[in-house]
Structure formats: C-alpha cells, structure tokens
C-alpha cells in the first residue's frame, strides 16, 4: 500500500491534482488507512495505465471512464475464459475432446 505522495513521486508526469480528480471520479480506489488514503499495487498500476492513456496517448479526460470500463470488461472476460479453460482441462479426456471438437467446428463456420 502506497501513500498518495509516494505515488506522485514514483509515477513520471503525474501531479497530485490529477490523482485527486481520478480518486474523486472513482477511476481509482483508495483504502482509507491511518495516516490517509493508500493505493494497492493494483491501483498503482491502474494509475500508471491512466497516465499512459492521458499523457502519452492523449486520451481526453472525459473519455477515460469509457476506455477504462472497456479495459475492465476485457480483463473480466479474460479471467472468465481462463476459468472456463481450467474447468475443461479438469474434465476427463472424452469431455475435453468433445469441447475441442466443438470449438473447431465453431471456428470453421466463420
């Protein structure tokens, strides 16, 4: 968990006003701790992503929530796909082969 001041000093180009606005707009989430709000490593990575989008790719401030929501959806879909693949792998060979066969057929229809 990192204090907001630490994050500002660690992330190039980040200023406190932007960080405070992103917190206020719920683009990132801080945990209230003794001594003030702190960000988890995951939230620090999200700050770095937002900085890349905003400062390096010139994504408009008003567009950030939409872009982040799409990225969040993509990550959630990836996680569900991983869990599904793990469930298929846990099945016996006959079921795995049937699933692979169906996947092969669905890919051929395109």
N, C-alpha and C. Protein backbone atom coordinates (compact mmCIF):
# COMPACT_ATOMS: atom_id res chain seq x y z
N UNK A 1 0.85 -1.18 0.00
CA UNK A 1 0.00 0.00 0.00
C UNK A 1 0.89 1.24 0.00
N UNK A 2 0.57 2.13 -0.90
CA UNK A 2 1.38 3.33 -1.02
C UNK A 2 0.54 4.58 -0.74
N UNK A 3 1.18 5.54 -0.08
CA UNK A 3 0.54 6.83 0.15
C UNK A 3 0.48 7.58 -1.17
N UNK A 4 -0.46 8.51 -1.26
CA UNK A 4 -0.63 9.28 -2.49
C UNK A 4 0.62 10.07 -2.84
N UNK A 5 1.30 10.61 -1.84
CA UNK A 5 2.52 11.38 -2.10
C UNK A 5 3.60 10.49 -2.71
N UNK A 6 3.68 9.24 -2.25
CA UNK A 6 4.65 8.30 -2.81
C UNK A 6 4.37 8.05 -4.28
N UNK A 7 3.11 7.88 -4.60
CA UNK A 7 2.72 7.57 -5.97
C UNK A 7 3.07 8.73 -6.89
N UNK A 8 2.79 9.94 -6.44
CA UNK A 8 3.11 11.12 -7.25
C UNK A 8 4.60 11.19 -7.52
N UNK A 9 5.41 10.83 -6.54
CA UNK A 9 6.87 10.89 -6.73
C UNK A 9 7.38 9.72 -7.58
N UNK A 10 6.65 8.61 -7.60
CA UNK A 10 7.10 7.43 -8.35
C UNK A 10 6.69 7.43 -9.81
N UNK A 11 5.56 8.05 -10.11
CA UNK A 11 5.00 7.98 -11.47
C UNK A 11 5.36 9.24 -12.24
N UNK A 12 6.13 9.08 -13.31
CA UNK A 12 6.53 10.26 -14.09
C UNK A 12 5.32 11.02 -14.64
N UNK A 13 5.41 12.32 -14.64
CA UNK A 13 4.39 13.24 -15.17
C UNK A 13 3.13 13.34 -14.32
N UNK A 14 2.96 12.50 -13.33
CA UNK A 14 1.75 12.55 -12.51
C UNK A 14 1.80 13.73 -11.56
N UNK A 15 0.68 14.45 -11.49
CA UNK A 15 0.60 15.53 -10.50
C UNK A 15 -0.55 15.21 -9.54
N UNK A 16 -0.48 15.80 -8.38
CA UNK A 16 -1.44 15.50 -7.31
C UNK A 16 -2.86 15.88 -7.70
N UNK A 17 -3.03 16.96 -8.44
CA UNK A 17 -4.38 17.40 -8.84
C UNK A 17 -5.06 16.33 -9.69
N UNK A 18 -4.32 15.76 -10.64
CA UNK A 18 -4.89 14.70 -11.47
C UNK A 18 -5.24 13.48 -10.62
N UNK A 19 -4.33 13.09 -9.75
CA UNK A 19 -4.56 11.93 -8.90
C UNK A 19 -5.80 12.14 -8.03
N UNK A 20 -5.93 13.31 -7.44
CA UNK A 20 -7.10 13.62 -6.61
C UNK A 20 -8.39 13.57 -7.44
N UNK A 21 -8.34 14.09 -8.66
CA UNK A 21 -9.52 14.08 -9.53
C UNK A 21 -9.91 12.65 -9.90
N UNK A 22 -8.92 11.81 -10.20
CA UNK A 22 -9.21 10.42 -10.57
C UNK A 22 -9.80 9.66 -9.39
N UNK A 23 -9.34 9.99 -8.19
CA UNK A 23 -9.95 9.40 -6.98
C UNK A 23 -11.39 9.87 -6.83
N UNK A 24 -11.61 11.16 -6.97
CA UNK A 24 -12.94 11.74 -6.83
C UNK A 24 -13.91 11.18 -7.88
N UNK A 25 -13.39 10.97 -9.09
CA UNK A 25 -14.21 10.44 -10.19
C UNK A 25 -14.32 8.92 -10.17
N UNK A 26 -13.71 8.29 -9.16
CA UNK A 26 -13.74 6.83 -8.97
C UNK A 26 -13.09 6.06 -10.11
N UNK A 27 -12.10 6.67 -10.75
CA UNK A 27 -11.32 5.94 -11.75
C UNK A 27 -10.32 5.01 -11.06
N UNK A 28 -9.93 5.40 -9.85
CA UNK A 28 -9.08 4.56 -9.00
C UNK A 28 -9.71 4.55 -7.61
N UNK A 29 -9.35 3.54 -6.83
CA UNK A 29 -9.93 3.39 -5.49
C UNK A 29 -8.81 3.35 -4.45
N UNK A 30 -8.97 4.17 -3.43
CA UNK A 30 -8.01 4.19 -2.33
C UNK A 30 -8.65 3.55 -1.11
N UNK A 31 -7.82 2.98 -0.27
CA UNK A 31 -8.27 2.46 1.02
C UNK A 31 -7.89 3.47 2.08
N UNK A 32 -8.86 3.80 2.91
CA UNK A 32 -8.58 4.73 4.00
C UNK A 32 -7.83 3.99 5.09
N UNK A 33 -6.68 4.51 5.44
CA UNK A 33 -5.83 3.93 6.48
C UNK A 33 -5.42 5.03 7.44
N UNK A 34 -4.85 4.60 8.53
CA UNK A 34 -4.30 5.58 9.45
C UNK A 34 -3.21 6.35 8.71
N UNK A 35 -3.28 7.64 8.75
CA UNK A 35 -2.30 8.45 8.04
C UNK A 35 -2.75 8.84 6.64
N UNK A 36 -3.98 8.48 6.26
CA UNK A 36 -4.50 8.92 4.97
C UNK A 36 -4.74 7.79 4.00
N UNK A 37 -5.28 8.14 2.83
CA UNK A 37 -5.61 7.13 1.83
C UNK A 37 -4.36 6.48 1.24
N UNK A 38 -4.52 5.20 0.88
CA UNK A 38 -3.41 4.46 0.28
C UNK A 38 -3.94 3.63 -0.89
N UNK A 39 -3.05 3.39 -1.83
CA UNK A 39 -3.41 2.61 -3.01
C UNK A 39 -2.68 1.28 -3.00
N UNK A 40 -3.39 0.24 -3.38
CA UNK A 40 -2.79 -1.08 -3.52
C UNK A 40 -1.90 -1.08 -4.76
N UNK A 41 -1.11 -2.13 -4.90
CA UNK A 41 -0.26 -2.26 -6.09
C UNK A 41 -1.10 -2.28 -7.36
N UNK A 42 -2.26 -2.93 -7.29
CA UNK A 42 -3.16 -2.98 -8.45
C UNK A 42 -3.63 -1.58 -8.82
N UNK A 43 -3.99 -0.78 -7.83
CA UNK A 43 -4.44 0.59 -8.10
C UNK A 43 -3.30 1.48 -8.58
N UNK A 44 -2.09 1.24 -8.09
CA UNK A 44 -0.93 1.99 -8.59
C UNK A 44 -0.71 1.66 -10.06
N UNK A 45 -0.86 0.40 -10.43
CA UNK A 45 -0.74 0.00 -11.84
C UNK A 45 -1.83 0.68 -12.67
N UNK A 46 -3.02 0.81 -12.09
CA UNK A 46 -4.12 1.49 -12.79
C UNK A 46 -3.78 2.97 -12.99
N UNK A 47 -3.17 3.60 -11.99
CA UNK A 47 -2.73 4.99 -12.13
C UNK A 47 -1.73 5.10 -13.28
N UNK A 48 -0.80 4.15 -13.36
CA UNK A 48 0.18 4.17 -14.44
C UNK A 48 -0.50 4.00 -15.80
N UNK A 49 -1.51 3.14 -15.87
CA UNK A 49 -2.27 2.97 -17.10
C UNK A 49 -2.98 4.27 -17.47
N UNK A 50 -3.63 4.88 -16.51
CA UNK A 50 -4.33 6.15 -16.76
C UNK A 50 -3.35 7.21 -17.24
N UNK A 51 -2.18 7.26 -16.63
CA UNK A 51 -1.16 8.23 -17.06
C UNK A 51 -0.75 7.97 -18.51
N UNK A 52 -0.55 6.71 -18.86
CA UNK A 52 -0.19 6.38 -20.24
C UNK A 52 -1.30 6.80 -21.19
N UNK A 53 -2.53 6.50 -20.82
CA UNK A 53 -3.66 6.88 -21.68
C UNK A 53 -3.77 8.39 -21.82
N UNK A 54 -3.67 9.08 -20.69
CA UNK A 54 -3.90 10.52 -20.67
C UNK A 54 -2.72 11.31 -21.23
N UNK A 55 -1.53 11.01 -20.75
CA UNK A 55 -0.37 11.83 -21.11
C UNK A 55 0.33 11.35 -22.38
N UNK A 56 0.45 10.04 -22.57
CA UNK A 56 1.19 9.53 -23.73
C UNK A 56 0.30 9.38 -24.96
N UNK A 57 -0.94 8.95 -24.76
CA UNK A 57 -1.84 8.70 -25.89
C UNK A 57 -2.87 9.81 -26.10
N UNK A 58 -2.81 10.83 -25.26
CA UNK A 58 -3.70 11.99 -25.35
C UNK A 58 -5.19 11.64 -25.33
N UNK A 59 -5.56 10.62 -24.56
CA UNK A 59 -6.98 10.30 -24.38
C UNK A 59 -7.59 11.41 -23.55
N UNK A 60 -8.69 11.96 -24.02
CA UNK A 60 -9.34 13.07 -23.32
C UNK A 60 -9.84 12.63 -21.94
N UNK A 61 -9.82 13.55 -21.01
CA UNK A 61 -10.25 13.28 -19.64
C UNK A 61 -11.68 12.71 -19.60
N UNK A 62 -12.56 13.26 -20.42
CA UNK A 62 -13.95 12.81 -20.45
C UNK A 62 -14.09 11.40 -21.00
N UNK A 63 -13.11 10.95 -21.78
CA UNK A 63 -13.16 9.63 -22.41
C UNK A 63 -12.56 8.55 -21.52
N UNK A 64 -11.77 8.93 -20.55
CA UNK A 64 -11.10 7.96 -19.68
C UNK A 64 -12.04 6.93 -19.06
N UNK A 65 -13.19 7.34 -18.50
CA UNK A 65 -14.07 6.33 -17.91
C UNK A 65 -14.54 5.27 -18.90
N UNK A 66 -14.79 5.67 -20.12
CA UNK A 66 -15.24 4.72 -21.14
C UNK A 66 -14.12 3.76 -21.49
N UNK A 67 -12.94 4.28 -21.72
CA UNK A 67 -11.79 3.44 -22.08
C UNK A 67 -11.46 2.48 -20.93
N UNK A 68 -11.45 2.98 -19.71
CA UNK A 68 -11.16 2.12 -18.56
C UNK A 68 -12.22 1.05 -18.36
N UNK A 69 -13.49 1.41 -18.59
CA UNK A 69 -14.56 0.42 -18.49
C UNK A 69 -14.37 -0.69 -19.52
N UNK A 70 -14.01 -0.34 -20.73
CA UNK A 70 -13.77 -1.34 -21.77
C UNK A 70 -12.58 -2.24 -21.41
N UNK A 71 -11.53 -1.65 -20.88
CA UNK A 71 -10.37 -2.43 -20.44
C UNK A 71 -10.76 -3.36 -19.29
N UNK A 72 -11.56 -2.85 -18.35
CA UNK A 72 -12.03 -3.70 -17.24
C UNK A 72 -12.87 -4.87 -17.75
N UNK A 73 -13.73 -4.61 -18.73
CA UNK A 73 -14.54 -5.67 -19.31
C UNK A 73 -13.66 -6.72 -20.00
N UNK A 74 -12.65 -6.25 -20.70
CA UNK A 74 -11.73 -7.17 -21.37
C UNK A 74 -11.01 -8.05 -20.36
N UNK A 75 -10.54 -7.47 -19.27
CA UNK A 75 -9.87 -8.25 -18.23
C UNK A 75 -10.81 -9.26 -17.58
N UNK A 76 -12.06 -8.84 -17.34
CA UNK A 76 -13.04 -9.75 -16.74
C UNK A 76 -13.34 -10.92 -17.69
N UNK A 77 -13.45 -10.63 -18.97
CA UNK A 77 -13.70 -11.68 -19.95
C UNK A 77 -12.51 -12.63 -20.02
N UNK A 78 -11.34 -12.09 -19.99
CA UNK A 78 -10.13 -12.92 -20.00
C UNK A 78 -10.10 -13.84 -18.78
N UNK A 79 -10.44 -13.32 -17.62
CA UNK A 79 -10.47 -14.12 -16.40
C UNK A 79 -11.51 -15.24 -16.49
N UNK A 80 -12.70 -14.91 -17.02
CA UNK A 80 -13.74 -15.94 -17.18
C UNK A 80 -13.31 -17.02 -18.16
N UNK A 81 -12.66 -16.62 -19.24
CA UNK A 81 -12.16 -17.58 -20.23
C UNK A 81 -11.10 -18.49 -19.62
N UNK A 82 -10.23 -17.92 -18.80
CA UNK A 82 -9.21 -18.72 -18.13
C UNK A 82 -9.86 -19.75 -17.21
N UNK A 83 -10.85 -19.31 -16.42
CA UNK A 83 -11.53 -20.23 -15.51
C UNK A 83 -12.27 -21.33 -16.27
N UNK A 84 -12.88 -20.96 -17.38
CA UNK A 84 -13.57 -21.94 -18.21
C UNK A 84 -12.58 -22.96 -18.77
N UNK A 85 -11.44 -22.49 -19.23
CA UNK A 85 -10.43 -23.42 -19.77
C UNK A 85 -9.91 -24.34 -18.68
N UNK A 86 -9.76 -23.83 -17.46
CA UNK A 86 -9.32 -24.68 -16.35
C UNK A 86 -10.38 -25.74 -16.03
N UNK A 87 -11.64 -25.36 -16.10
CA UNK A 87 -12.73 -26.32 -15.85
C UNK A 87 -12.75 -27.40 -16.92
N UNK A 88 -12.53 -27.02 -18.17
CA UNK A 88 -12.50 -28.00 -19.26
C UNK A 88 -11.31 -28.94 -19.08
N UNK A 89 -10.16 -28.38 -18.74
CA UNK A 89 -8.97 -29.22 -18.54
C UNK A 89 -9.14 -30.21 -17.39
N UNK A 90 -9.99 -29.89 -16.42
CA UNK A 90 -10.22 -30.77 -15.28
C UNK A 90 -11.14 -31.94 -15.63
N UNK A 91 -11.75 -31.90 -16.80
CA UNK A 91 -12.67 -32.96 -17.20
C UNK A 91 -11.89 -34.16 -17.77
N UNK A 92 -12.61 -35.26 -17.92
CA UNK A 92 -11.94 -36.43 -18.49
C UNK A 92 -11.68 -36.20 -19.99
N UNK A 93 -10.89 -37.07 -20.57
CA UNK A 93 -10.43 -36.91 -21.95
C UNK A 93 -11.58 -36.82 -22.94
N UNK A 94 -12.62 -37.59 -22.72
CA UNK A 94 -13.76 -37.60 -23.65
C UNK A 94 -14.43 -36.23 -23.70
N UNK A 95 -14.62 -35.63 -22.53
CA UNK A 95 -15.26 -34.31 -22.48
C UNK A 95 -14.33 -33.26 -23.10
N UNK A 96 -13.04 -33.31 -22.78
CA UNK A 96 -12.09 -32.35 -23.37
C UNK A 96 -12.10 -32.45 -24.89
N UNK A 97 -12.08 -33.69 -25.41
CA UNK A 97 -12.09 -33.88 -26.86
C UNK A 97 -13.38 -33.33 -27.48
N UNK A 98 -14.50 -33.54 -26.80
CA UNK A 98 -15.78 -33.03 -27.32
C UNK A 98 -15.77 -31.50 -27.36
N UNK A 99 -15.24 -30.88 -26.32
CA UNK A 99 -15.17 -29.42 -26.30
C UNK A 99 -14.26 -28.91 -27.41
N UNK A 100 -13.10 -29.53 -27.56
CA UNK A 100 -12.18 -29.11 -28.63
C UNK A 100 -12.78 -29.30 -30.01
N UNK A 101 -13.53 -30.38 -30.17
CA UNK A 101 -14.20 -30.62 -31.45
C UNK A 101 -15.21 -29.52 -31.72
N UNK A 102 -16.00 -29.17 -30.72
CA UNK A 102 -17.00 -28.11 -30.88
C UNK A 102 -16.33 -26.77 -31.17
N UNK A 103 -15.23 -26.50 -30.52
CA UNK A 103 -14.51 -25.25 -30.77
C UNK A 103 -13.99 -25.21 -32.20
N UNK A 104 -13.51 -26.35 -32.68
CA UNK A 104 -13.04 -26.44 -34.05
C UNK A 104 -14.14 -26.20 -35.05
N UNK A 105 -15.32 -26.72 -34.76
CA UNK A 105 -16.48 -26.53 -35.64
C UNK A 105 -16.94 -25.08 -35.65
N UNK A 106 -16.98 -24.45 -34.48
CA UNK A 106 -17.45 -23.07 -34.43
C UNK A 106 -16.48 -22.15 -35.15
N UNK A 107 -15.19 -22.47 -35.09
CA UNK A 107 -14.20 -21.65 -35.80
C UNK A 107 -14.32 -21.82 -37.30
N UNK A 108 -14.76 -23.01 -37.76
CA UNK A 108 -14.87 -23.27 -39.20
C UNK A 108 -16.07 -22.54 -39.81
N UNK A 109 -17.08 -22.20 -39.00
CA UNK A 109 -18.29 -21.53 -39.51
C UNK A 109 -18.04 -20.09 -39.90
N UNK A 110 -17.04 -19.50 -39.38
CA UNK A 110 -16.79 -18.08 -39.63
C UNK A 110 -16.37 -17.88 -41.00
